[in-house]
Amino acid sequence: MTEYVLSEEFKSNVQQEMESTPFAVLSRLIYQELYQEVIEGHLLPEHKIIESKIAKELNVSRSPVKVALSDMVDEGIFFRGVGKTVHVKPISYEECLWIYEARMTLEPKAAYQAAKRIKPAELQQLKELISKFEEIDNTMDQREYTRTDKQFHEIIIKASRNPYLVSMYKSIECPLACYRNQLNQLAYEECFQQHDMGSGSEHHKAIFNMLKNHLPLLAEDEMRNDIQRMYGTMSRLRK
């Protein structure tokens, strides 16, 4: 186990928020920054999160840190380990199945609506991400793949212009990020080759073309095909 160390950016973000919104609840600010650390893959199950050290690093009392960590334990993001340490909760294979089912229900429908409602600026953003995927096809940089894939899917969810779809997707944001981050610790080159992740640009380009041409049913089908690949990579987390 590696002790989790706060980044300078983390400390700076909390300090800036405290200065700009002096009446903000400090525990919530700490919660939000820890949540982002999990989402971005900086905070992993292998890290030990020590309440006293975070409080010292932020120059605050332990109470708001304790509340933030307790909230994240209650929400199933963290779990309590031996002693007073806290860890990011690993995603089980069963949870991966639930995430997969949720994505298969939600994202194809979002793509269907996005094909009718997407804006030119969003199409341009997707086009730029396709270029990134083309680079990743050659480099097999899984961390970059994870970041780019996350951005690609979030743009499409937003482009659905349906606040309820956006809210539902937000509810799986953290477990989905944890799934992606756990895969980052495995044998990626093998994962790319076995599960066709090395042709990510082609899969995502197919979705993009359907959105660009405003073909809802085909956009829905292509999104379903893309998410189907998650089923293969999930086996890497099976114990």
C-alpha atoms as a PDB file:
ATOM      1  CA  MET A   1       0.000   0.000   0.000  1.00  0.00           C
ATOM      2  CA  THR A   2       1.203   3.487  -0.902  1.00  0.00           C
ATOM      3  CA  GLU A   3       0.335   6.470   1.260  1.00  0.00           C
ATOM      4  CA  TYR A   4      -1.741   8.992  -0.666  1.00  0.00           C
ATOM      5  CA  VAL A   5      -0.059  12.395  -0.959  1.00  0.00           C
ATOM      6  CA  LEU A   6      -2.048  15.521  -1.775  1.00  0.00           C
ATOM      7  CA  SER A   7      -0.943  17.268  -4.935  1.00  0.00           C
ATOM      8  CA  GLU A   8      -0.170  20.978  -4.942  1.00  0.00           C
ATOM      9  CA  GLU A   9      -3.134  21.433  -7.274  1.00  0.00           C
ATOM     10  CA  PHE A  10      -5.446  19.780  -4.728  1.00  0.00           C
ATOM     11  CA  LYS A  11      -4.267  22.089  -1.941  1.00  0.00           C
ATOM     12  CA  SER A  12      -4.428  25.132  -4.204  1.00  0.00           C
ATOM     13  CA  ASN A  13      -7.987  24.330  -5.331  1.00  0.00           C
ATOM     14  CA  VAL A  14      -9.247  24.006  -1.752  1.00  0.00           C
ATOM     15  CA  GLN A  15      -7.491  27.225  -0.729  1.00  0.00           C
ATOM     16  CA  GLN A  16      -8.929  29.154  -3.680  1.00  0.00           C
ATOM     17  CA  GLU A  17     -12.438  27.898  -2.953  1.00  0.00           C
ATOM     18  CA  MET A  18     -12.109  28.881   0.690  1.00  0.00           C
ATOM     19  CA  GLU A  19     -11.033  32.385  -0.325  1.00  0.00           C
ATOM     20  CA  SER A  20     -13.679  32.881  -3.013  1.00  0.00           C
ATOM     21  CA  THR A  21     -16.540  31.362  -0.997  1.00  0.00           C
ATOM     22  CA  PRO A  22     -15.621  31.876   2.670  1.00  0.00           C
ATOM     23  CA  PHE A  23     -18.963  30.549   3.880  1.00  0.00           C
ATOM     24  CA  ALA A  24     -18.745  27.313   1.921  1.00  0.00           C
ATOM     25  CA  VAL A  25     -18.821  24.109   3.936  1.00  0.00           C
ATOM     26  CA  LEU A  26     -15.175  23.046   4.150  1.00  0.00           C
ATOM     27  CA  SER A  27     -15.983  19.338   4.331  1.00  0.00           C
ATOM     28  CA  ARG A  28     -17.824  19.651   1.025  1.00  0.00           C
ATOM     29  CA  LEU A  29     -14.856  21.348  -0.649  1.00  0.00           C
ATOM     30  CA  ILE A  30     -12.573  18.538   0.519  1.00  0.00           C
ATOM     31  CA  TYR A  31     -15.116  15.954  -0.642  1.00  0.00           C
ATOM     32  CA  GLN A  32     -15.294  17.516  -4.107  1.00  0.00           C
ATOM     33  CA  GLU A  33     -11.521  17.558  -4.520  1.00  0.00           C
ATOM     34  CA  LEU A  34     -11.149  13.949  -3.342  1.00  0.00           C
ATOM     35  CA  TYR A  35     -13.949  12.950  -5.713  1.00  0.00           C
ATOM     36  CA  GLN A  36     -12.087  14.563  -8.622  1.00  0.00           C
ATOM     37  CA  GLU A  37      -8.899  12.762  -7.614  1.00  0.00           C
ATOM     38  CA  VAL A  38     -10.784   9.456  -7.900  1.00  0.00           C
ATOM     39  CA  ILE A  39     -12.408  10.384 -11.218  1.00  0.00           C
ATOM     40  CA  GLU A  40      -9.095  11.442 -12.753  1.00  0.00           C
ATOM     41  CA  GLY A  41      -7.272   8.325 -11.588  1.00  0.00           C
ATOM     42  CA  HIS A  42      -4.887  10.059  -9.176  1.00  0.00           C
ATOM     43  CA  LEU A  43      -6.410   8.299  -6.166  1.00  0.00           C
ATOM     44  CA  LEU A  44      -6.480   4.497  -6.506  1.00  0.00           C
ATOM     45  CA  PRO A  45      -7.397   1.473  -4.330  1.00  0.00           C
ATOM     46  CA  GLU A  46      -3.692   0.918  -3.609  1.00  0.00           C
ATOM     47  CA  HIS A  47      -3.425   4.261  -1.794  1.00  0.00           C
ATOM     48  CA  LYS A  48      -3.810   4.729   1.960  1.00  0.00           C
ATOM     49  CA  ILE A  49      -5.782   7.880   2.766  1.00  0.00           C
ATOM     50  CA  ILE A  50      -4.836   9.172   6.207  1.00  0.00           C
ATOM     51  CA  GLU A  51      -7.197  11.695   7.777  1.00  0.00           C
ATOM     52  CA  SER A  52      -4.601  13.412   9.974  1.00  0.00           C
ATOM     53  CA  LYS A  53      -2.166  13.869   7.117  1.00  0.00           C
ATOM     54  CA  ILE A  54      -4.776  15.469   4.833  1.00  0.00           C
ATOM     55  CA  ALA A  55      -5.766  17.869   7.629  1.00  0.00           C
ATOM     56  CA  LYS A  56      -2.127  18.796   8.185  1.00  0.00           C
ATOM     57  CA  GLU A  57      -1.460  19.303   4.463  1.00  0.00           C
ATOM     58  CA  LEU A  58      -4.503  21.574   4.128  1.00  0.00           C
ATOM     59  CA  ASN A  59      -3.798  23.340   7.422  1.00  0.00           C
ATOM     60  CA  VAL A  60      -7.318  22.660   8.699  1.00  0.00           C
ATOM     61  CA  SER A  61      -8.750  20.770  11.654  1.00  0.00           C
ATOM     62  CA  ARG A  62      -9.449  17.061  11.284  1.00  0.00           C
ATOM     63  CA  SER A  63     -13.228  17.499  11.640  1.00  0.00           C
ATOM     64  CA  PRO A  64     -14.048  18.587   8.038  1.00  0.00           C
ATOM     65  CA  VAL A  65     -11.690  15.933   6.659  1.00  0.00           C
ATOM     66  CA  LYS A  66     -13.366  13.299   8.822  1.00  0.00           C
ATOM     67  CA  VAL A  67     -16.812  14.359   7.585  1.00  0.00           C
ATOM     68  CA  ALA A  68     -15.696  14.290   3.934  1.00  0.00           C
ATOM     69  CA  LEU A  69     -14.172  10.822   4.273  1.00  0.00           C
ATOM     70  CA  SER A  70     -17.208   9.510   6.167  1.00  0.00           C
ATOM     71  CA  ASP A  71     -19.530  10.802   3.449  1.00  0.00           C
ATOM     72  CA  MET A  72     -17.467   9.042   0.790  1.00  0.00           C
ATOM     73  CA  VAL A  73     -17.496   5.813   2.809  1.00  0.00           C
ATOM     74  CA  ASP A  74     -21.283   6.085   3.214  1.00  0.00           C
ATOM     75  CA  GLU A  75     -21.656   6.567  -0.548  1.00  0.00           C
ATOM     76  CA  GLY A  76     -19.547   3.493  -1.293  1.00  0.00           C
ATOM     77  CA  ILE A  77     -16.679   5.395  -2.916  1.00  0.00           C
ATOM     78  CA  PHE A  78     -14.248   4.667  -0.055  1.00  0.00           C
ATOM     79  CA  PHE A  79     -14.035   1.904   2.544  1.00  0.00           C
ATOM     80  CA  ARG A  80     -12.310   1.753   5.915  1.00  0.00           C
ATOM     81  CA  GLY A  81      -9.230  -0.414   6.152  1.00  0.00           C
ATOM     82  CA  VAL A  82      -7.070  -1.500   9.058  1.00  0.00           C
ATOM     83  CA  GLY A  83      -6.572   1.139  11.725  1.00  0.00           C
ATOM     84  CA  LYS A  84      -7.613   4.623  10.671  1.00  0.00           C
ATOM     85  CA  THR A  85      -6.807   4.304   6.984  1.00  0.00           C
ATOM     86  CA  VAL A  86      -9.354   4.776   4.219  1.00  0.00           C
ATOM     87  CA  HIS A  87      -9.098   3.427   0.665  1.00  0.00           C
ATOM     88  CA  VAL A  88     -10.873   3.765  -2.665  1.00  0.00           C
ATOM     89  CA  LYS A  89     -13.290   0.850  -2.939  1.00  0.00           C
ATOM     90  CA  PRO A  90     -12.232  -1.547  -5.719  1.00  0.00           C
ATOM     91  CA  ILE A  91     -14.848  -2.310  -8.371  1.00  0.00           C
ATOM     92  CA  SER A  92     -15.926  -5.955  -8.389  1.00  0.00           C
ATOM     93  CA  TYR A  93     -16.802  -7.957 -11.481  1.00  0.00           C
ATOM     94  CA  GLU A  94     -20.458  -7.962 -10.391  1.00  0.00           C
ATOM     95  CA  GLU A  95     -20.435  -4.161 -10.175  1.00  0.00           C
ATOM     96  CA  CYS A  96     -18.888  -4.039 -13.651  1.00  0.00           C
ATOM     97  CA  LEU A  97     -21.884  -5.997 -14.924  1.00  0.00           C
ATOM     98  CA  TRP A  98     -24.236  -3.468 -13.355  1.00  0.00           C
ATOM     99  CA  ILE A  99     -22.311  -0.573 -14.909  1.00  0.00           C
ATOM    100  CA  TYR A 100     -22.374  -2.343 -18.271  1.00  0.00           C
ATOM    101  CA  GLU A 101     -26.143  -2.883 -18.060  1.00  0.00           C
ATOM    102  CA  ALA A 102     -26.675   0.765 -17.096  1.00  0.00           C
ATOM    103  CA  ARG A 103     -24.530   2.009 -19.979  1.00  0.00           C
ATOM    104  CA  MET A 104     -26.263  -0.260 -22.490  1.00  0.00           C
ATOM    105  CA  THR A 105     -29.622   1.089 -21.359  1.00  0.00           C
ATOM    106  CA  LEU A 106     -28.629   4.749 -21.182  1.00  0.00           C
ATOM    107  CA  GLU A 107     -25.957   5.658 -23.719  1.00  0.00           C
ATOM    108  CA  PRO A 108     -27.477   4.322 -26.965  1.00  0.00           C
ATOM    109  CA  LYS A 109     -30.630   6.338 -26.208  1.00  0.00           C
ATOM    110  CA  ALA A 110     -28.513   9.413 -25.482  1.00  0.00           C
ATOM    111  CA  ALA A 111     -26.760   8.949 -28.841  1.00  0.00           C
ATOM    112  CA  TYR A 112     -30.167   8.654 -30.529  1.00  0.00           C
ATOM    113  CA  GLN A 113     -31.246  12.017 -29.094  1.00  0.00           C
ATOM    114  CA  ALA A 114     -27.834  13.599 -29.675  1.00  0.00           C
ATOM    115  CA  ALA A 115     -28.058  12.781 -33.386  1.00  0.00           C
ATOM    116  CA  LYS A 116     -31.100  15.059 -33.501  1.00  0.00           C
ATOM    117  CA  ARG A 117     -29.894  17.788 -31.151  1.00  0.00           C
ATOM    118  CA  ILE A 118     -26.108  18.012 -31.275  1.00  0.00           C
ATOM    119  CA  LYS A 119     -24.585  21.455 -31.932  1.00  0.00           C
ATOM    120  CA  PRO A 120     -21.794  22.265 -34.419  1.00  0.00           C
ATOM    121  CA  ALA A 121     -19.393  23.158 -31.596  1.00  0.00           C
ATOM    122  CA  GLU A 122     -19.937  19.741 -30.021  1.00  0.00           C
ATOM    123  CA  LEU A 123     -19.341  17.999 -33.337  1.00  0.00           C
ATOM    124  CA  GLN A 124     -16.066  19.905 -33.623  1.00  0.00           C
ATOM    125  CA  GLN A 125     -15.060  18.753 -30.139  1.00  0.00           C
ATOM    126  CA  LEU A 126     -15.806  15.148 -31.081  1.00  0.00           C
ATOM    127  CA  LYS A 127     -13.828  15.516 -34.302  1.00  0.00           C
ATOM    128  CA  GLU A 128     -10.790  16.695 -32.331  1.00  0.00           C
ATOM    129  CA  LEU A 129     -11.132  13.723 -29.988  1.00  0.00           C
ATOM    130  CA  ILE A 130     -11.208  11.367 -32.994  1.00  0.00           C
ATOM    131  CA  SER A 131      -7.775  12.740 -33.914  1.00  0.00           C
ATOM    132  CA  LYS A 132      -6.588  11.892 -30.410  1.00  0.00           C
ATOM    133  CA  PHE A 133      -7.950   8.360 -30.767  1.00  0.00           C
ATOM    134  CA  GLU A 134      -5.972   7.990 -34.006  1.00  0.00           C
ATOM    135  CA  GLU A 135      -2.776   8.869 -32.140  1.00  0.00           C
ATOM    136  CA  ILE A 136      -3.643   6.416 -29.368  1.00  0.00           C
ATOM    137  CA  ASP A 137      -4.136   3.632 -31.948  1.00  0.00           C
ATOM    138  CA  ASN A 138      -0.371   3.849 -32.468  1.00  0.00           C
ATOM    139  CA  THR A 139       0.883   4.685 -28.976  1.00  0.00           C
ATOM    140  CA  MET A 140      -1.489   2.386 -27.031  1.00  0.00           C
ATOM    141  CA  ASP A 141      -1.386   4.967 -24.237  1.00  0.00           C
ATOM    142  CA  GLN A 142      -4.172   3.624 -22.044  1.00  0.00           C
ATOM    143  CA  ARG A 143      -4.289   6.572 -19.663  1.00  0.00           C
ATOM    144  CA  GLU A 144      -4.788   8.910 -22.604  1.00  0.00           C
ATOM    145  CA  TYR A 145      -7.364   6.500 -24.036  1.00  0.00           C
ATOM    146  CA  THR A 146      -9.273   6.593 -20.744  1.00  0.00           C
ATOM    147  CA  ARG A 147      -9.305  10.411 -20.634  1.00  0.00           C
ATOM    148  CA  THR A 148     -10.294  10.739 -24.292  1.00  0.00           C
ATOM    149  CA  ASP A 149     -13.001   8.081 -24.076  1.00  0.00           C
ATOM    150  CA  LYS A 150     -14.490   9.771 -21.001  1.00  0.00           C
ATOM    151  CA  GLN A 151     -14.631  13.147 -22.763  1.00  0.00           C
ATOM    152  CA  PHE A 152     -16.123  11.635 -25.925  1.00  0.00           C
ATOM    153  CA  HIS A 153     -18.996   9.943 -24.125  1.00  0.00           C
ATOM    154  CA  GLU A 154     -19.703  12.914 -21.859  1.00  0.00           C
ATOM    155  CA  ILE A 155     -20.078  15.246 -24.848  1.00  0.00           C
ATOM    156  CA  ILE A 156     -22.640  12.902 -26.399  1.00  0.00           C
ATOM    157  CA  ILE A 157     -24.584  12.607 -23.149  1.00  0.00           C
ATOM    158  CA  LYS A 158     -24.684  16.407 -22.885  1.00  0.00           C
ATOM    159  CA  ALA A 159     -25.682  16.706 -26.553  1.00  0.00           C
ATOM    160  CA  SER A 160     -28.806  14.634 -25.862  1.00  0.00           C
ATOM    161  CA  ARG A 161     -30.201  17.831 -24.273  1.00  0.00           C
ATOM    162  CA  ASN A 162     -32.073  15.649 -21.785  1.00  0.00           C
ATOM    163  CA  PRO A 163     -31.338  16.662 -18.173  1.00  0.00           C
ATOM    164  CA  TYR A 164     -32.599  13.325 -16.855  1.00  0.00           C
ATOM    165  CA  LEU A 165     -30.228  11.353 -19.068  1.00  0.00           C
ATOM    166  CA  VAL A 166     -27.403  13.647 -17.945  1.00  0.00           C
ATOM    167  CA  SER A 167     -28.340  13.089 -14.292  1.00  0.00           C
ATOM    168  CA  MET A 168     -28.519   9.305 -14.704  1.00  0.00           C
ATOM    169  CA  TYR A 169     -25.121   9.239 -16.389  1.00  0.00           C
ATOM    170  CA  LYS A 170     -23.696  11.350 -13.562  1.00  0.00           C
ATOM    171  CA  SER A 171     -24.844   8.674 -11.102  1.00  0.00           C
ATOM    172  CA  ILE A 172     -22.489   6.109 -12.671  1.00  0.00           C
ATOM    173  CA  GLU A 173     -19.621   8.561 -13.260  1.00  0.00           C
ATOM    174  CA  CYS A 174     -17.587   7.497 -10.227  1.00  0.00           C
ATOM    175  CA  PRO A 175     -17.929   3.686 -10.522  1.00  0.00           C
ATOM    176  CA  LEU A 176     -17.293   3.938 -14.274  1.00  0.00           C
ATOM    177  CA  ALA A 177     -14.133   5.970 -13.623  1.00  0.00           C
ATOM    178  CA  CYS A 178     -12.998   3.434 -11.008  1.00  0.00           C
ATOM    179  CA  TYR A 179     -13.533   0.614 -13.512  1.00  0.00           C
ATOM    180  CA  ARG A 180     -11.428   2.440 -16.100  1.00  0.00           C
ATOM    181  CA  ASN A 181      -8.731   3.297 -13.572  1.00  0.00           C
ATOM    182  CA  GLN A 182      -8.473  -0.273 -12.302  1.00  0.00           C
ATOM    183  CA  LEU A 183      -7.931  -1.440 -15.860  1.00  0.00           C
ATOM    184  CA  ASN A 184      -5.095   1.074 -16.063  1.00  0.00           C
ATOM    185  CA  GLN A 185      -3.205  -1.059 -13.545  1.00  0.00           C
ATOM    186  CA  LEU A 186      -3.458  -4.218 -15.647  1.00  0.00           C
ATOM    187  CA  ALA A 187      -1.653  -5.461 -18.747  1.00  0.00           C
ATOM    188  CA  TYR A 188      -2.859  -2.863 -21.201  1.00  0.00           C
ATOM    189  CA  GLU A 189      -1.055  -3.927 -24.305  1.00  0.00           C
ATOM    190  CA  GLU A 190      -2.734  -7.322 -24.019  1.00  0.00           C
ATOM    191  CA  CYS A 191      -6.066  -5.641 -23.263  1.00  0.00           C
ATOM    192  CA  PHE A 192      -5.769  -3.472 -26.376  1.00  0.00           C
ATOM    193  CA  GLN A 193      -4.971  -6.409 -28.624  1.00  0.00           C
ATOM    194  CA  GLN A 194      -7.530  -8.868 -27.267  1.00  0.00           C
ATOM    195  CA  HIS A 195     -10.478  -6.510 -27.050  1.00  0.00           C
ATOM    196  CA  ASP A 196      -9.935  -4.372 -30.139  1.00  0.00           C
ATOM    197  CA  MET A 197      -9.145  -1.226 -28.176  1.00  0.00           C
ATOM    198  CA  GLY A 198      -6.291  -0.515 -30.560  1.00  0.00           C
ATOM    199  CA  SER A 199      -8.802   0.557 -33.202  1.00  0.00           C
ATOM    200  CA  GLY A 200     -10.574   3.011 -30.926  1.00  0.00           C
ATOM    201  CA  SER A 201     -10.555   5.701 -33.591  1.00  0.00           C
ATOM    202  CA  GLU A 202     -12.608   3.542 -35.978  1.00  0.00           C
ATOM    203  CA  HIS A 203     -15.236   2.670 -33.370  1.00  0.00           C
ATOM    204  CA  HIS A 204     -15.613   6.261 -32.252  1.00  0.00           C
ATOM    205  CA  LYS A 205     -15.460   7.615 -35.788  1.00  0.00           C
ATOM    206  CA  ALA A 206     -18.445   5.418 -36.657  1.00  0.00           C
ATOM    207  CA  ILE A 207     -20.456   7.019 -33.853  1.00  0.00           C
ATOM    208  CA  PHE A 208     -19.268  10.485 -34.867  1.00  0.00           C
ATOM    209  CA  ASN A 209     -20.329   9.991 -38.504  1.00  0.00           C
ATOM    210  CA  MET A 210     -23.842   8.984 -37.484  1.00  0.00           C
ATOM    211  CA  LEU A 211     -24.122  12.036 -35.239  1.00  0.00           C
ATOM    212  CA  LYS A 212     -22.704  14.358 -37.902  1.00  0.00           C
ATOM    213  CA  ASN A 213     -25.207  13.065 -40.467  1.00  0.00           C
ATOM    214  CA  HIS A 214     -28.070  13.221 -37.954  1.00  0.00           C
ATOM    215  CA  LEU A 215     -28.989   9.528 -38.209  1.00  0.00           C
ATOM    216  CA  PRO A 216     -30.510   8.688 -34.793  1.00  0.00           C
ATOM    217  CA  LEU A 217     -31.110   4.948 -35.230  1.00  0.00           C
ATOM    218  CA  LEU A 218     -27.643   4.324 -36.634  1.00  0.00           C
ATOM    219  CA  ALA A 219     -26.036   6.480 -33.926  1.00  0.00           C
ATOM    220  CA  GLU A 220     -27.860   4.367 -31.352  1.00  0.00           C
ATOM    221  CA  ASP A 221     -26.592   1.140 -32.962  1.00  0.00           C
ATOM    222  CA  GLU A 222     -22.989   2.344 -33.171  1.00  0.00           C
ATOM    223  CA  MET A 223     -23.005   3.421 -29.531  1.00  0.00           C
ATOM    224  CA  ARG A 224     -24.351   0.013 -28.540  1.00  0.00           C
ATOM    225  CA  ASN A 225     -21.546  -1.649 -30.503  1.00  0.00           C
ATOM    226  CA  ASP A 226     -18.934   0.489 -28.766  1.00  0.00           C
ATOM    227  CA  ILE A 227     -20.188  -0.255 -25.259  1.00  0.00           C
ATOM    228  CA  GLN A 228     -20.356  -3.963 -26.117  1.00  0.00           C
ATOM    229  CA  ARG A 229     -16.539  -3.982 -26.073  1.00  0.00           C
ATOM    230  CA  MET A 230     -16.634  -3.220 -22.346  1.00  0.00           C
ATOM    231  CA  TYR A 231     -17.961  -6.726 -21.767  1.00  0.00           C
ATOM    232  CA  GLY A 232     -14.684  -8.222 -22.967  1.00  0.00           C
ATOM    233  CA  THR A 233     -12.426  -5.972 -20.904  1.00  0.00           C
ATOM    234  CA  MET A 234     -14.482  -6.618 -17.758  1.00  0.00           C
ATOM    235  CA  SER A 235     -13.135 -10.165 -17.588  1.00  0.00           C
ATOM    236  CA  ARG A 236      -9.787  -8.661 -16.547  1.00  0.00           C
ATOM    237  CA  LEU A 237     -11.375  -7.745 -13.198  1.00  0.00           C
ATOM    238  CA  ARG A 238     -12.872 -11.176 -12.580  1.00  0.00           C
ATOM    239  CA  LYS A 239     -11.419 -13.009  -9.592  1.00  0.00           C
END
